[in-house]
Amino acid sequence: KGRSILWSGMRERAELYVQQLHGYLLLATLEKAI
């Protein structure tokens, strides 16, 4: 299972980007870094 880091900034902006990607029917998840 491959993973990539797309964003490492503020969580609020990351949530916005995830919503925008979902709008284009793209798979995106938001997880806290380990």
Protein backbone atom coordinates (compact mmCIF):
# COMPACT_ATOMS: atom_id res chain seq x y z
CA LYS A 1 0.00 0.00 0.00
CA GLY A 2 1.80 3.12 -1.21
CA ARG A 3 1.45 6.49 0.44
CA SER A 4 2.62 9.97 -0.39
CA ILE A 5 2.84 13.17 1.57
CA LEU A 6 1.03 15.85 -0.35
CA TRP A 7 0.91 18.51 2.34
CA SER A 8 2.80 19.24 5.52
CA GLY A 9 1.34 22.63 6.43
CA MET A 10 -1.63 23.87 8.44
CA ARG A 11 -4.38 21.31 8.99
CA GLU A 12 -7.22 23.67 8.01
CA ARG A 13 -5.74 24.25 4.57
CA ALA A 14 -5.07 20.51 4.17
CA GLU A 15 -8.74 19.81 4.93
CA LEU A 16 -9.73 22.27 2.20
CA TYR A 17 -7.43 20.57 -0.31
CA VAL A 18 -8.85 17.14 0.56
CA GLN A 19 -12.38 18.45 -0.04
CA GLN A 20 -11.34 19.92 -3.38
CA LEU A 21 -9.75 16.64 -4.48
CA HIS A 22 -12.91 14.76 -3.51
CA GLY A 23 -14.82 17.23 -5.71
CA TYR A 24 -12.82 15.86 -8.66
CA LEU A 25 -13.61 12.29 -7.52
CA LEU A 26 -9.99 11.72 -6.51
CA LEU A 27 -9.07 9.63 -3.50
CA ALA A 28 -7.51 11.69 -0.72
CA THR A 29 -7.19 11.07 3.00
CA LEU A 30 -6.08 13.22 5.88
CA GLU A 31 -3.99 11.54 8.55
CA LYS A 32 -1.93 12.80 11.43
CA ALA A 33 1.79 12.21 10.95
CA ILE A 34 3.29 9.48 13.09
